[in-house]
Amino acid sequence: MKIMKKFNSAIKFLLFIVAFVYAMYAFLEWGAVGKFIMSAAYRQLERNGMRMSYSDVTGEEGGFTVNNLALSGLANISLSSITIKPQILSSLLSLAPVCDITFTDANVRLGQNLHLGDGGFLMTAGRREIFLENLRTNGDFALNGYLTVNLATMKLGRTDARLNIPDSFAQNMNMLKGFLPLVQEGGRWYLRRQ
């Protein structure tokens, strides 16, 4: 009988915590949260020798959107917009921050402009790595798959993503094999590392 009462108390407490977290999530001022996160990201990137700029941050249901985001460092990255929506239940279950991220008009400049177009991914930020799953883009350079980034080395870890590239860029792929885990199979290119 005592065990049953303790079990019921534990369930009620857990339900209270979940309801409390969900209420906070539902009533947050997402624009202010987004501005705070972007300010913290700006400082962190600056410490690592990268620059970031954006025009504004707007709140929306369950997340926020950053407009005209540009990152510069080893590569130059620009996006018309990026929307970040934290996934509270998934974060609680995995004990790590999980966000659904979508973006529009993404471009990466590595000597040549690589148009990724629109896309998105589900990001899980662990202690040692960032996991991007359901990664998809629809531009001239299209990605489809998953990848991880080791936070200590800032290099790709486990990765399996199919690449579609324009014919005009094909001659550059062998050169990039020195920097990225690229594999060619049956005329298609993959980012692949186990």
N, C-alpha and C. Protein backbone atom coordinates (compact mmCIF):
# COMPACT_ATOMS: atom_id res chain seq x y z
N MET A 1 0.82 -1.19 0.00
CA MET A 1 0.00 0.00 0.00
C MET A 1 0.86 1.27 0.00
N LYS A 2 1.94 1.25 0.85
CA LYS A 2 2.84 2.40 0.92
C LYS A 2 3.53 2.65 -0.42
N ILE A 3 3.89 1.56 -1.07
CA ILE A 3 4.57 1.68 -2.37
C ILE A 3 3.63 2.32 -3.38
N MET A 4 2.38 1.93 -3.36
CA MET A 4 1.40 2.49 -4.29
C MET A 4 1.20 3.98 -4.06
N LYS A 5 1.16 4.41 -2.79
CA LYS A 5 1.02 5.84 -2.49
C LYS A 5 2.23 6.62 -2.98
N LYS A 6 3.44 6.06 -2.77
CA LYS A 6 4.66 6.73 -3.24
C LYS A 6 4.66 6.82 -4.77
N PHE A 7 4.22 5.74 -5.40
CA PHE A 7 4.16 5.73 -6.87
C PHE A 7 3.18 6.79 -7.37
N ASN A 8 2.00 6.88 -6.77
CA ASN A 8 1.01 7.89 -7.15
C ASN A 8 1.54 9.30 -6.93
N SER A 9 2.24 9.51 -5.80
CA SER A 9 2.82 10.83 -5.53
C SER A 9 3.87 11.19 -6.58
N ALA A 10 4.69 10.21 -6.95
CA ALA A 10 5.73 10.45 -7.96
C ALA A 10 5.09 10.79 -9.31
N ILE A 11 4.04 10.09 -9.68
CA ILE A 11 3.34 10.36 -10.95
C ILE A 11 2.73 11.75 -10.93
N LYS A 12 2.09 12.11 -9.82
CA LYS A 12 1.48 13.45 -9.71
C LYS A 12 2.55 14.54 -9.81
N PHE A 13 3.69 14.34 -9.15
CA PHE A 13 4.77 15.31 -9.19
C PHE A 13 5.31 15.44 -10.63
N LEU A 14 5.51 14.33 -11.30
CA LEU A 14 5.99 14.34 -12.67
C LEU A 14 5.01 15.07 -13.59
N LEU A 15 3.72 14.80 -13.43
CA LEU A 15 2.70 15.48 -14.23
C LEU A 15 2.69 16.98 -13.95
N PHE A 16 2.88 17.37 -12.69
CA PHE A 16 2.96 18.79 -12.33
C PHE A 16 4.15 19.45 -13.03
N ILE A 17 5.31 18.80 -13.02
CA ILE A 17 6.51 19.36 -13.66
C ILE A 17 6.28 19.51 -15.17
N VAL A 18 5.72 18.48 -15.79
CA VAL A 18 5.45 18.54 -17.24
C VAL A 18 4.46 19.66 -17.55
N ALA A 19 3.40 19.79 -16.77
CA ALA A 19 2.41 20.86 -16.99
C ALA A 19 3.04 22.24 -16.78
N PHE A 20 3.89 22.38 -15.77
CA PHE A 20 4.56 23.64 -15.50
C PHE A 20 5.48 24.04 -16.66
N VAL A 21 6.29 23.07 -17.13
CA VAL A 21 7.20 23.35 -18.26
C VAL A 21 6.41 23.69 -19.51
N TYR A 22 5.32 22.96 -19.77
CA TYR A 22 4.52 23.23 -20.95
C TYR A 22 3.87 24.61 -20.87
N ALA A 23 3.37 25.00 -19.68
CA ALA A 23 2.77 26.33 -19.52
C ALA A 23 3.79 27.42 -19.77
N MET A 24 5.01 27.23 -19.25
CA MET A 24 6.07 28.22 -19.52
C MET A 24 6.35 28.31 -21.02
N TYR A 25 6.41 27.15 -21.66
CA TYR A 25 6.67 27.09 -23.10
C TYR A 25 5.57 27.81 -23.88
N ALA A 26 4.31 27.59 -23.51
CA ALA A 26 3.18 28.15 -24.24
C ALA A 26 3.08 29.66 -24.08
N PHE A 27 3.50 30.20 -22.94
CA PHE A 27 3.32 31.63 -22.68
C PHE A 27 4.61 32.45 -22.75
N LEU A 28 5.68 31.85 -23.23
CA LEU A 28 6.94 32.60 -23.35
C LEU A 28 6.83 33.70 -24.40
N GLU A 29 7.54 34.78 -24.19
CA GLU A 29 7.68 35.84 -25.19
C GLU A 29 8.85 35.42 -26.09
N TRP A 30 8.50 34.73 -27.19
CA TRP A 30 9.52 34.11 -28.02
C TRP A 30 10.44 35.11 -28.70
N GLY A 31 9.95 36.31 -29.00
CA GLY A 31 10.82 37.33 -29.59
C GLY A 31 11.96 37.69 -28.66
N ALA A 32 11.64 37.88 -27.37
CA ALA A 32 12.67 38.21 -26.37
C ALA A 32 13.63 37.04 -26.17
N VAL A 33 13.09 35.81 -26.16
CA VAL A 33 13.94 34.62 -26.03
C VAL A 33 14.91 34.55 -27.21
N GLY A 34 14.39 34.77 -28.41
CA GLY A 34 15.23 34.74 -29.61
C GLY A 34 16.32 35.79 -29.58
N LYS A 35 15.99 36.99 -29.15
CA LYS A 35 17.00 38.06 -29.07
C LYS A 35 18.08 37.71 -28.06
N PHE A 36 17.69 37.14 -26.93
CA PHE A 36 18.66 36.73 -25.92
C PHE A 36 19.59 35.64 -26.48
N ILE A 37 19.01 34.63 -27.13
CA ILE A 37 19.81 33.53 -27.69
C ILE A 37 20.75 34.04 -28.78
N MET A 38 20.27 34.93 -29.64
CA MET A 38 21.13 35.44 -30.71
C MET A 38 22.26 36.31 -30.15
N SER A 39 21.98 37.04 -29.09
CA SER A 39 23.02 37.84 -28.45
C SER A 39 24.10 36.95 -27.86
N ALA A 40 23.69 35.87 -27.19
CA ALA A 40 24.65 34.92 -26.62
C ALA A 40 25.45 34.23 -27.73
N ALA A 41 24.77 33.85 -28.82
CA ALA A 41 25.45 33.21 -29.95
C ALA A 41 26.46 34.16 -30.58
N TYR A 42 26.10 35.43 -30.69
CA TYR A 42 27.01 36.44 -31.26
C TYR A 42 28.31 36.49 -30.46
N ARG A 43 28.20 36.57 -29.14
CA ARG A 43 29.39 36.64 -28.28
C ARG A 43 30.24 35.38 -28.39
N GLN A 44 29.59 34.22 -28.41
CA GLN A 44 30.32 32.95 -28.50
C GLN A 44 31.05 32.82 -29.83
N LEU A 45 30.38 33.17 -30.92
CA LEU A 45 31.00 33.09 -32.24
C LEU A 45 32.17 34.07 -32.35
N GLU A 46 32.00 35.25 -31.80
CA GLU A 46 33.06 36.27 -31.84
C GLU A 46 34.31 35.76 -31.12
N ARG A 47 34.13 35.08 -29.99
CA ARG A 47 35.27 34.50 -29.26
C ARG A 47 36.00 33.46 -30.09
N ASN A 48 35.28 32.80 -30.99
CA ASN A 48 35.88 31.76 -31.84
C ASN A 48 36.30 32.30 -33.21
N GLY A 49 36.37 33.62 -33.34
CA GLY A 49 36.87 34.22 -34.58
C GLY A 49 35.88 34.28 -35.72
N MET A 50 34.60 34.15 -35.42
CA MET A 50 33.59 34.24 -36.48
C MET A 50 32.75 35.49 -36.26
N ARG A 51 32.14 35.96 -37.32
CA ARG A 51 31.23 37.11 -37.23
C ARG A 51 29.84 36.68 -37.62
N MET A 52 28.86 37.36 -36.99
CA MET A 52 27.46 37.08 -37.29
C MET A 52 26.71 38.40 -37.36
N SER A 53 25.79 38.49 -38.32
CA SER A 53 24.90 39.65 -38.38
C SER A 53 23.52 39.15 -38.78
N TYR A 54 22.49 39.94 -38.43
CA TYR A 54 21.11 39.64 -38.80
C TYR A 54 20.32 40.94 -38.71
N SER A 55 19.18 40.99 -39.41
CA SER A 55 18.40 42.23 -39.42
C SER A 55 17.44 42.32 -38.24
N ASP A 56 16.76 41.22 -37.89
CA ASP A 56 15.83 41.26 -36.76
C ASP A 56 15.46 39.86 -36.32
N VAL A 57 14.83 39.79 -35.15
CA VAL A 57 14.35 38.54 -34.58
C VAL A 57 12.87 38.74 -34.25
N THR A 58 12.03 37.84 -34.71
CA THR A 58 10.59 37.94 -34.43
C THR A 58 10.11 36.65 -33.76
N GLY A 59 9.22 36.81 -32.80
CA GLY A 59 8.65 35.65 -32.12
C GLY A 59 7.48 35.09 -32.91
N GLU A 60 7.28 33.80 -32.77
CA GLU A 60 6.11 33.15 -33.33
C GLU A 60 5.75 31.98 -32.43
N GLU A 61 4.62 31.37 -32.67
CA GLU A 61 4.15 30.31 -31.78
C GLU A 61 5.18 29.19 -31.66
N GLY A 62 5.68 29.01 -30.45
CA GLY A 62 6.62 27.92 -30.19
C GLY A 62 8.04 28.16 -30.59
N GLY A 63 8.40 29.37 -31.00
CA GLY A 63 9.78 29.62 -31.40
C GLY A 63 10.00 31.03 -31.89
N PHE A 64 11.06 31.21 -32.66
CA PHE A 64 11.39 32.54 -33.18
C PHE A 64 12.07 32.41 -34.54
N THR A 65 12.03 33.52 -35.30
CA THR A 65 12.64 33.58 -36.63
C THR A 65 13.69 34.68 -36.65
N VAL A 66 14.83 34.35 -37.21
CA VAL A 66 15.92 35.32 -37.41
C VAL A 66 15.97 35.61 -38.90
N ASN A 67 15.90 36.90 -39.27
CA ASN A 67 15.90 37.28 -40.68
C ASN A 67 17.26 37.80 -41.12
N ASN A 68 17.61 37.49 -42.37
CA ASN A 68 18.85 37.95 -43.01
C ASN A 68 20.08 37.63 -42.18
N LEU A 69 20.21 36.37 -41.80
CA LEU A 69 21.33 35.91 -41.00
C LEU A 69 22.55 35.69 -41.89
N ALA A 70 23.71 36.20 -41.46
CA ALA A 70 24.97 35.99 -42.16
C ALA A 70 26.04 35.60 -41.16
N LEU A 71 26.79 34.54 -41.48
CA LEU A 71 27.91 34.09 -40.66
C LEU A 71 29.15 34.10 -41.53
N SER A 72 30.26 34.60 -40.99
CA SER A 72 31.50 34.57 -41.76
C SER A 72 32.63 34.08 -40.88
N GLY A 73 33.47 33.26 -41.46
CA GLY A 73 34.61 32.66 -40.80
C GLY A 73 35.36 31.88 -41.85
N LEU A 74 35.52 30.57 -41.66
CA LEU A 74 36.15 29.72 -42.66
C LEU A 74 35.33 29.72 -43.94
N ALA A 75 34.01 29.75 -43.77
CA ALA A 75 33.08 29.84 -44.90
C ALA A 75 32.10 30.98 -44.60
N ASN A 76 31.52 31.53 -45.64
CA ASN A 76 30.49 32.55 -45.48
C ASN A 76 29.13 31.89 -45.72
N ILE A 77 28.23 32.04 -44.74
CA ILE A 77 26.91 31.43 -44.82
C ILE A 77 25.87 32.53 -44.71
N SER A 78 24.88 32.50 -45.59
CA SER A 78 23.79 33.48 -45.50
C SER A 78 22.45 32.76 -45.66
N LEU A 79 21.45 33.25 -44.92
CA LEU A 79 20.10 32.70 -44.98
C LEU A 79 19.13 33.86 -44.98
N SER A 80 18.09 33.78 -45.80
CA SER A 80 17.04 34.81 -45.76
C SER A 80 16.33 34.78 -44.43
N SER A 81 16.05 33.57 -43.95
CA SER A 81 15.44 33.43 -42.61
C SER A 81 15.74 32.05 -42.07
N ILE A 82 15.75 31.97 -40.74
CA ILE A 82 15.89 30.68 -40.06
C ILE A 82 14.93 30.70 -38.88
N THR A 83 14.11 29.66 -38.77
CA THR A 83 13.13 29.55 -37.70
C THR A 83 13.54 28.42 -36.77
N ILE A 84 13.59 28.73 -35.48
CA ILE A 84 14.03 27.78 -34.46
C ILE A 84 12.87 27.54 -33.50
N LYS A 85 12.48 26.27 -33.38
CA LYS A 85 11.37 25.91 -32.48
C LYS A 85 11.84 24.81 -31.54
N PRO A 86 12.09 25.16 -30.26
CA PRO A 86 12.47 24.14 -29.28
C PRO A 86 11.39 23.07 -29.15
N GLN A 87 11.84 21.83 -29.01
CA GLN A 87 10.94 20.70 -28.84
C GLN A 87 11.03 20.24 -27.38
N ILE A 88 10.13 20.74 -26.54
CA ILE A 88 10.21 20.54 -25.10
C ILE A 88 10.11 19.06 -24.71
N LEU A 89 9.13 18.33 -25.22
CA LEU A 89 8.97 16.94 -24.84
C LEU A 89 10.18 16.11 -25.26
N SER A 90 10.64 16.29 -26.50
CA SER A 90 11.83 15.57 -26.96
C SER A 90 13.05 15.93 -26.13
N SER A 91 13.17 17.19 -25.74
CA SER A 91 14.29 17.62 -24.91
C SER A 91 14.25 16.94 -23.54
N LEU A 92 13.06 16.86 -22.94
CA LEU A 92 12.92 16.20 -21.65
C LEU A 92 13.24 14.71 -21.75
N LEU A 93 12.77 14.07 -22.81
CA LEU A 93 13.01 12.63 -22.98
C LEU A 93 14.47 12.31 -23.26
N SER A 94 15.15 13.16 -24.01
CA SER A 94 16.56 12.89 -24.35
C SER A 94 17.54 13.56 -23.39
N LEU A 95 17.03 14.39 -22.48
CA LEU A 95 17.86 15.14 -21.53
C LEU A 95 18.93 15.97 -22.24
N ALA A 96 18.53 16.53 -23.39
CA ALA A 96 19.41 17.40 -24.17
C ALA A 96 18.52 18.35 -24.97
N PRO A 97 18.99 19.56 -25.26
CA PRO A 97 18.17 20.49 -26.05
C PRO A 97 17.90 19.94 -27.46
N VAL A 98 16.63 19.96 -27.86
CA VAL A 98 16.22 19.51 -29.19
C VAL A 98 15.42 20.64 -29.83
N CYS A 99 15.77 21.00 -31.07
CA CYS A 99 15.07 22.07 -31.80
C CYS A 99 14.76 21.63 -33.21
N ASP A 100 13.59 22.04 -33.69
CA ASP A 100 13.25 21.89 -35.10
C ASP A 100 13.65 23.18 -35.79
N ILE A 101 14.48 23.08 -36.83
CA ILE A 101 15.01 24.26 -37.49
C ILE A 101 14.68 24.20 -38.97
N THR A 102 14.09 25.28 -39.48
CA THR A 102 13.83 25.42 -40.91
C THR A 102 14.45 26.72 -41.39
N PHE A 103 14.83 26.75 -42.66
CA PHE A 103 15.46 27.95 -43.20
C PHE A 103 15.06 28.16 -44.65
N THR A 104 15.26 29.39 -45.13
CA THR A 104 14.96 29.73 -46.52
C THR A 104 16.17 30.37 -47.16
N ASP A 105 16.35 30.09 -48.43
CA ASP A 105 17.37 30.71 -49.28
C ASP A 105 18.76 30.69 -48.65
N ALA A 106 19.25 29.48 -48.35
CA ALA A 106 20.58 29.33 -47.74
C ALA A 106 21.66 29.28 -48.82
N ASN A 107 22.75 29.98 -48.56
CA ASN A 107 23.92 29.98 -49.45
C ASN A 107 25.18 29.82 -48.61
N VAL A 108 26.12 29.03 -49.13
CA VAL A 108 27.43 28.88 -48.50
C VAL A 108 28.46 29.29 -49.55
N ARG A 109 29.40 30.12 -49.13
CA ARG A 109 30.45 30.56 -50.06
C ARG A 109 31.78 29.98 -49.62
N LEU A 110 32.32 29.07 -50.43
CA LEU A 110 33.65 28.48 -50.24
C LEU A 110 34.42 28.73 -51.54
N GLY A 111 34.75 29.98 -51.80
CA GLY A 111 35.36 30.31 -53.08
C GLY A 111 34.31 30.43 -54.17
N GLN A 112 33.37 29.52 -54.19
CA GLN A 112 32.26 29.51 -55.14
C GLN A 112 30.96 29.47 -54.34
N ASN A 113 29.92 30.10 -54.84
CA ASN A 113 28.65 30.12 -54.13
C ASN A 113 27.94 28.78 -54.28
N LEU A 114 27.56 28.20 -53.14
CA LEU A 114 26.81 26.95 -53.12
C LEU A 114 25.40 27.26 -52.64
N HIS A 115 24.43 27.20 -53.54
CA HIS A 115 23.05 27.53 -53.19
C HIS A 115 22.36 26.28 -52.65
N LEU A 116 22.04 26.30 -51.34
CA LEU A 116 21.36 25.17 -50.70
C LEU A 116 19.84 25.30 -50.76
N GLY A 117 19.34 26.52 -50.95
CA GLY A 117 17.90 26.73 -51.05
C GLY A 117 17.21 26.66 -49.71
N ASP A 118 16.00 26.11 -49.70
CA ASP A 118 15.20 25.98 -48.48
C ASP A 118 15.41 24.60 -47.89
N GLY A 119 15.20 24.47 -46.59
CA GLY A 119 15.34 23.15 -45.98
C GLY A 119 15.16 23.21 -44.48
N GLY A 120 15.70 22.19 -43.82
CA GLY A 120 15.60 22.14 -42.38
C GLY A 120 16.21 20.88 -41.83
N PHE A 121 16.13 20.73 -40.50
CA PHE A 121 16.65 19.57 -39.80
C PHE A 121 16.16 19.61 -38.36
N LEU A 122 16.29 18.49 -37.69
CA LEU A 122 16.01 18.38 -36.26
C LEU A 122 17.37 18.32 -35.57
N MET A 123 17.66 19.25 -34.68
CA MET A 123 18.96 19.34 -34.03
C MET A 123 18.87 18.92 -32.57
N THR A 124 19.77 18.02 -32.17
CA THR A 124 19.93 17.64 -30.77
C THR A 124 21.34 18.03 -30.35
N ALA A 125 21.44 18.88 -29.32
CA ALA A 125 22.74 19.37 -28.86
C ALA A 125 23.17 18.60 -27.62
N GLY A 126 24.07 17.65 -27.80
CA GLY A 126 24.60 16.89 -26.68
C GLY A 126 25.83 17.57 -26.10
N ARG A 127 26.44 16.94 -25.12
CA ARG A 127 27.64 17.51 -24.50
C ARG A 127 28.85 17.44 -25.42
N ARG A 128 28.94 16.35 -26.19
CA ARG A 128 30.12 16.15 -27.04
C ARG A 128 29.88 16.42 -28.53
N GLU A 129 28.61 16.35 -28.94
CA GLU A 129 28.34 16.53 -30.36
C GLU A 129 26.96 17.12 -30.59
N ILE A 130 26.82 17.68 -31.77
CA ILE A 130 25.52 18.16 -32.25
C ILE A 130 25.07 17.20 -33.33
N PHE A 131 23.84 16.72 -33.22
CA PHE A 131 23.28 15.75 -34.16
C PHE A 131 22.21 16.44 -34.99
N LEU A 132 22.38 16.45 -36.30
CA LEU A 132 21.41 17.02 -37.23
C LEU A 132 20.78 15.85 -37.99
N GLU A 133 19.50 15.58 -37.71
CA GLU A 133 18.82 14.49 -38.41
C GLU A 133 17.71 15.06 -39.29
N ASN A 134 17.24 14.24 -40.22
CA ASN A 134 16.24 14.68 -41.20
C ASN A 134 16.72 15.92 -41.94
N LEU A 135 18.01 16.00 -42.19
CA LEU A 135 18.60 17.13 -42.90
C LEU A 135 18.15 17.09 -44.35
N ARG A 136 17.63 18.24 -44.83
CA ARG A 136 17.16 18.30 -46.21
C ARG A 136 17.28 19.71 -46.74
N THR A 137 17.72 19.81 -47.99
CA THR A 137 17.74 21.09 -48.69
C THR A 137 17.27 20.84 -50.12
N ASN A 138 16.85 21.91 -50.81
CA ASN A 138 16.30 21.71 -52.16
C ASN A 138 16.95 22.60 -53.22
N GLY A 139 18.13 23.14 -52.93
CA GLY A 139 18.78 24.04 -53.88
C GLY A 139 19.61 23.31 -54.91
N ASP A 140 20.47 24.05 -55.62
CA ASP A 140 21.37 23.45 -56.60
C ASP A 140 22.27 22.42 -55.93
N PHE A 141 22.67 22.70 -54.69
CA PHE A 141 23.41 21.76 -53.86
C PHE A 141 22.42 21.23 -52.84
N ALA A 142 22.00 20.00 -52.99
CA ALA A 142 20.98 19.44 -52.11
C ALA A 142 21.59 18.37 -51.21
N LEU A 143 21.22 18.40 -49.96
CA LEU A 143 21.64 17.43 -48.95
C LEU A 143 20.41 16.68 -48.46
N ASN A 144 20.60 15.40 -48.14
CA ASN A 144 19.51 14.62 -47.59
C ASN A 144 20.12 13.53 -46.72
N GLY A 145 19.89 13.59 -45.40
CA GLY A 145 20.44 12.56 -44.51
C GLY A 145 20.65 13.09 -43.11
N TYR A 146 21.75 12.69 -42.49
CA TYR A 146 22.07 13.15 -41.14
C TYR A 146 23.57 13.38 -41.03
N LEU A 147 23.94 14.16 -40.02
CA LEU A 147 25.36 14.35 -39.71
C LEU A 147 25.52 14.77 -38.27
N THR A 148 26.71 14.54 -37.74
CA THR A 148 27.04 14.99 -36.40
C THR A 148 28.27 15.88 -36.49
N VAL A 149 28.36 16.82 -35.54
CA VAL A 149 29.52 17.69 -35.45
C VAL A 149 30.13 17.51 -34.06
N ASN A 150 31.41 17.14 -34.01
CA ASN A 150 32.12 16.98 -32.75
C ASN A 150 32.41 18.37 -32.20
N LEU A 151 31.94 18.66 -30.99
CA LEU A 151 32.09 20.00 -30.42
C LEU A 151 33.52 20.32 -30.02
N ALA A 152 34.33 19.32 -29.70
CA ALA A 152 35.72 19.57 -29.31
C ALA A 152 36.57 19.95 -30.51
N THR A 153 36.35 19.27 -31.64
CA THR A 153 37.18 19.50 -32.83
C THR A 153 36.49 20.35 -33.90
N MET A 154 35.16 20.52 -33.76
CA MET A 154 34.33 21.22 -34.76
C MET A 154 34.44 20.56 -36.14
N LYS A 155 34.60 19.24 -36.16
CA LYS A 155 34.66 18.47 -37.40
C LYS A 155 33.47 17.52 -37.47
N LEU A 156 33.18 17.07 -38.70
CA LEU A 156 32.09 16.12 -38.88
C LEU A 156 32.44 14.80 -38.23
N GLY A 157 31.45 14.23 -37.53
CA GLY A 157 31.59 12.90 -36.94
C GLY A 157 30.82 11.91 -37.80
N ARG A 158 29.95 11.11 -37.15
CA ARG A 158 29.12 10.15 -37.89
C ARG A 158 28.26 10.92 -38.88
N THR A 159 28.29 10.48 -40.11
CA THR A 159 27.59 11.20 -41.17
C THR A 159 27.12 10.24 -42.24
N ASP A 160 25.92 10.45 -42.74
CA ASP A 160 25.42 9.74 -43.91
C ASP A 160 24.40 10.64 -44.59
N ALA A 161 24.86 11.35 -45.62
CA ALA A 161 23.99 12.29 -46.34
C ALA A 161 24.29 12.24 -47.82
N ARG A 162 23.24 12.15 -48.62
CA ARG A 162 23.39 12.15 -50.08
C ARG A 162 23.49 13.60 -50.55
N LEU A 163 24.40 13.83 -51.51
CA LEU A 163 24.58 15.16 -52.08
C LEU A 163 24.16 15.17 -53.53
N ASN A 164 23.46 16.19 -53.92
CA ASN A 164 23.20 16.45 -55.34
C ASN A 164 23.94 17.74 -55.66
N ILE A 165 24.76 17.69 -56.68
CA ILE A 165 25.57 18.85 -57.04
C ILE A 165 25.39 19.16 -58.52
N PRO A 166 25.53 20.43 -58.90
CA PRO A 166 25.45 20.76 -60.33
C PRO A 166 26.69 20.25 -61.05
N ASP A 167 26.54 19.94 -62.33
CA ASP A 167 27.67 19.44 -63.13
C ASP A 167 28.86 20.40 -63.11
N SER A 168 28.58 21.69 -63.04
CA SER A 168 29.66 22.69 -63.07
C SER A 168 30.57 22.61 -61.83
N PHE A 169 30.13 21.93 -60.78
CA PHE A 169 30.92 21.84 -59.56
C PHE A 169 31.61 20.48 -59.39
N ALA A 170 31.29 19.53 -60.24
CA ALA A 170 31.77 18.15 -60.09
C ALA A 170 33.28 18.05 -60.03
N GLN A 171 34.01 18.88 -60.78
CA GLN A 171 35.48 18.79 -60.79
C GLN A 171 36.09 19.19 -59.44
N ASN A 172 35.36 19.89 -58.60
CA ASN A 172 35.86 20.31 -57.29
C ASN A 172 35.72 19.24 -56.20
N MET A 173 34.94 18.21 -56.46
CA MET A 173 34.63 17.24 -55.41
C MET A 173 35.86 16.45 -54.95
N ASN A 174 36.74 16.07 -55.89
CA ASN A 174 37.94 15.32 -55.49
C ASN A 174 38.84 16.16 -54.59
N MET A 175 38.92 17.47 -54.82
CA MET A 175 39.71 18.35 -53.97
C MET A 175 39.12 18.40 -52.56
N LEU A 176 37.78 18.43 -52.46
CA LEU A 176 37.11 18.51 -51.17
C LEU A 176 37.22 17.23 -50.35
N LYS A 177 37.61 16.11 -51.01
CA LYS A 177 37.75 14.85 -50.28
C LYS A 177 38.84 14.94 -49.20
N GLY A 178 39.77 15.89 -49.35
CA GLY A 178 40.80 16.07 -48.33
C GLY A 178 40.27 16.72 -47.06
N PHE A 179 39.11 17.39 -47.16
CA PHE A 179 38.53 18.11 -46.02
C PHE A 179 37.26 17.47 -45.48
N LEU A 180 36.54 16.75 -46.33
CA LEU A 180 35.24 16.20 -45.96
C LEU A 180 35.22 14.70 -46.23
N PRO A 181 34.42 13.93 -45.48
CA PRO A 181 34.33 12.48 -45.72
C PRO A 181 33.43 12.18 -46.93
N LEU A 182 33.91 12.53 -48.12
CA LEU A 182 33.14 12.35 -49.35
C LEU A 182 33.42 10.98 -49.97
N VAL A 183 32.35 10.34 -50.45
CA VAL A 183 32.43 9.04 -51.10
C VAL A 183 31.59 9.13 -52.36
N GLN A 184 32.09 8.58 -53.46
CA GLN A 184 31.30 8.54 -54.69
C GLN A 184 30.88 7.11 -54.97
N GLU A 185 29.58 6.92 -55.18
CA GLU A 185 29.03 5.60 -55.49
C GLU A 185 28.04 5.73 -56.63
N GLY A 186 28.29 5.02 -57.71
CA GLY A 186 27.37 5.00 -58.84
C GLY A 186 27.06 6.39 -59.39
N GLY A 187 28.04 7.26 -59.44
CA GLY A 187 27.84 8.60 -59.98
C GLY A 187 27.25 9.59 -58.99
N ARG A 188 26.89 9.14 -57.78
CA ARG A 188 26.36 10.03 -56.75
C ARG A 188 27.41 10.24 -55.65
N TRP A 189 27.33 11.42 -55.05
CA TRP A 189 28.25 11.75 -53.95
C TRP A 189 27.52 11.66 -52.62
N TYR A 190 28.26 11.19 -51.60
CA TYR A 190 27.73 11.07 -50.25
C TYR A 190 28.74 11.63 -49.25
N LEU A 191 28.24 12.24 -48.20
CA LEU A 191 29.05 12.52 -47.02
C LEU A 191 28.84 11.30 -46.14
N ARG A 192 29.90 10.55 -45.86
CA ARG A 192 29.70 9.31 -45.12
C ARG A 192 30.89 9.01 -44.21
N ARG A 193 30.60 8.85 -42.94
CA ARG A 193 31.59 8.42 -41.95
C ARG A 193 30.83 7.71 -40.84
N GLN A 194 31.29 6.53 -40.46
CA GLN A 194 30.64 5.76 -39.40
C GLN A 194 31.40 5.83 -38.11
